[in-house]
Amino acid sequence: MGLEDKMAKVEKQYNLINKSSPPPIAGVYLLGFIGSAVHFVGNSEGFGELILAILKALVWPAFLINRVFDLLNI
């Protein structure tokens, strides 16, 4: 196998990796982010609470998993 063949093989693998779609869980997280952002932003008053609401919407899965682990005594 020559260098050109190896380069073609690597390029083919690179193209397969870059053309793949994001994992399905990304869509679930996106929907969760949008829903939680609507909830948190709707309940906020003022600019400071708006920024905090957006940050909460980004990290809500961490709080959810933490609570689940607390309930399971893990």
C-alpha atoms as a PDB file:
ATOM      1  CA  MET A   1       0.000   0.000   0.000  1.00  0.00           C
ATOM      2  CA  GLY A   2       1.544   3.246  -1.119  1.00  0.00           C
ATOM      3  CA  LEU A   3       1.472   6.604   0.541  1.00  0.00           C
ATOM      4  CA  GLU A   4      -1.201   7.849  -1.842  1.00  0.00           C
ATOM      5  CA  ASP A   5      -3.457   4.923  -0.985  1.00  0.00           C
ATOM      6  CA  LYS A   6      -3.025   5.580   2.725  1.00  0.00           C
ATOM      7  CA  MET A   7      -3.762   9.272   2.209  1.00  0.00           C
ATOM      8  CA  ALA A   8      -6.928   8.401   0.264  1.00  0.00           C
ATOM      9  CA  LYS A   9      -8.046   6.031   3.034  1.00  0.00           C
ATOM     10  CA  VAL A  10      -7.489   8.663   5.739  1.00  0.00           C
ATOM     11  CA  GLU A  11      -9.310  11.289   3.671  1.00  0.00           C
ATOM     12  CA  LYS A  12     -12.252   8.917   3.180  1.00  0.00           C
ATOM     13  CA  GLN A  13     -12.455   8.255   6.929  1.00  0.00           C
ATOM     14  CA  TYR A  14     -12.193  11.996   7.646  1.00  0.00           C
ATOM     15  CA  ASN A  15     -15.062  12.736   5.272  1.00  0.00           C
ATOM     16  CA  LEU A  16     -17.227  10.038   6.886  1.00  0.00           C
ATOM     17  CA  ILE A  17     -16.616  11.453  10.344  1.00  0.00           C
ATOM     18  CA  ASN A  18     -17.319  15.061   9.350  1.00  0.00           C
ATOM     19  CA  LYS A  19     -20.511  14.258   7.462  1.00  0.00           C
ATOM     20  CA  SER A  20     -22.104  12.349  10.307  1.00  0.00           C
ATOM     21  CA  SER A  21     -25.087  13.851  12.052  1.00  0.00           C
ATOM     22  CA  PRO A  22     -25.113  14.857  15.728  1.00  0.00           C
ATOM     23  CA  PRO A  23     -26.284  12.217  18.200  1.00  0.00           C
ATOM     24  CA  PRO A  24     -30.040  12.040  18.815  1.00  0.00           C
ATOM     25  CA  ILE A  25     -29.621  13.098  22.435  1.00  0.00           C
ATOM     26  CA  ALA A  26     -28.520  16.533  21.215  1.00  0.00           C
ATOM     27  CA  GLY A  27     -32.048  17.155  19.950  1.00  0.00           C
ATOM     28  CA  VAL A  28     -33.526  16.134  23.276  1.00  0.00           C
ATOM     29  CA  TYR A  29     -31.151  18.460  25.106  1.00  0.00           C
ATOM     30  CA  LEU A  30     -32.003  21.289  22.692  1.00  0.00           C
ATOM     31  CA  LEU A  31     -35.727  20.856  23.308  1.00  0.00           C
ATOM     32  CA  GLY A  32     -35.098  20.733  27.048  1.00  0.00           C
ATOM     33  CA  PHE A  33     -32.998  23.887  26.844  1.00  0.00           C
ATOM     34  CA  ILE A  34     -35.660  25.756  24.892  1.00  0.00           C
ATOM     35  CA  GLY A  35     -38.430  24.649  27.257  1.00  0.00           C
ATOM     36  CA  SER A  36     -36.481  25.489  30.388  1.00  0.00           C
ATOM     37  CA  ALA A  37     -35.354  28.813  28.934  1.00  0.00           C
ATOM     38  CA  VAL A  38     -38.974  29.759  28.250  1.00  0.00           C
ATOM     39  CA  HIS A  39     -39.917  28.751  31.789  1.00  0.00           C
ATOM     40  CA  PHE A  40     -37.036  30.487  33.576  1.00  0.00           C
ATOM     41  CA  VAL A  41     -37.112  33.639  31.418  1.00  0.00           C
ATOM     42  CA  GLY A  42     -40.876  33.908  31.823  1.00  0.00           C
ATOM     43  CA  ASN A  43     -40.480  33.920  35.598  1.00  0.00           C
ATOM     44  CA  SER A  44     -37.620  36.425  35.681  1.00  0.00           C
ATOM     45  CA  GLU A  45     -37.839  40.137  36.383  1.00  0.00           C
ATOM     46  CA  GLY A  46     -34.993  42.439  35.420  1.00  0.00           C
ATOM     47  CA  PHE A  47     -31.749  41.994  33.531  1.00  0.00           C
ATOM     48  CA  GLY A  48     -29.864  40.159  36.290  1.00  0.00           C
ATOM     49  CA  GLU A  49     -32.559  37.540  36.654  1.00  0.00           C
ATOM     50  CA  LEU A  50     -32.706  37.178  32.863  1.00  0.00           C
ATOM     51  CA  ILE A  51     -29.002  36.317  32.712  1.00  0.00           C
ATOM     52  CA  LEU A  52     -29.424  33.909  35.635  1.00  0.00           C
ATOM     53  CA  ALA A  53     -32.420  32.314  33.881  1.00  0.00           C
ATOM     54  CA  ILE A  54     -30.378  31.643  30.746  1.00  0.00           C
ATOM     55  CA  LEU A  55     -27.570  30.125  32.817  1.00  0.00           C
ATOM     56  CA  LYS A  56     -30.070  27.926  34.656  1.00  0.00           C
ATOM     57  CA  ALA A  57     -31.484  26.765  31.321  1.00  0.00           C
ATOM     58  CA  LEU A  58     -27.997  25.701  30.224  1.00  0.00           C
ATOM     59  CA  VAL A  59     -27.201  23.614  33.305  1.00  0.00           C
ATOM     60  CA  TRP A  60     -30.574  22.181  34.370  1.00  0.00           C
ATOM     61  CA  PRO A  61     -29.591  18.575  33.455  1.00  0.00           C
ATOM     62  CA  ALA A  62     -26.817  18.677  36.058  1.00  0.00           C
ATOM     63  CA  PHE A  63     -29.307  19.674  38.754  1.00  0.00           C
ATOM     64  CA  LEU A  64     -31.701  16.945  37.594  1.00  0.00           C
ATOM     65  CA  ILE A  65     -29.067  14.202  37.753  1.00  0.00           C
ATOM     66  CA  ASN A  66     -27.862  15.469  41.127  1.00  0.00           C
ATOM     67  CA  ARG A  67     -31.412  15.276  42.502  1.00  0.00           C
ATOM     68  CA  VAL A  68     -31.925  11.777  41.069  1.00  0.00           C
ATOM     69  CA  PHE A  69     -28.683  10.616  42.694  1.00  0.00           C
ATOM     70  CA  ASP A  70     -29.775  12.139  46.008  1.00  0.00           C
ATOM     71  CA  LEU A  71     -33.088  10.288  45.832  1.00  0.00           C
ATOM     72  CA  LEU A  72     -31.308   7.014  45.016  1.00  0.00           C
ATOM     73  CA  ASN A  73     -28.759   7.585  47.804  1.00  0.00           C
ATOM     74  CA  ILE A  74     -25.853   7.283  45.390  1.00  0.00           C
END
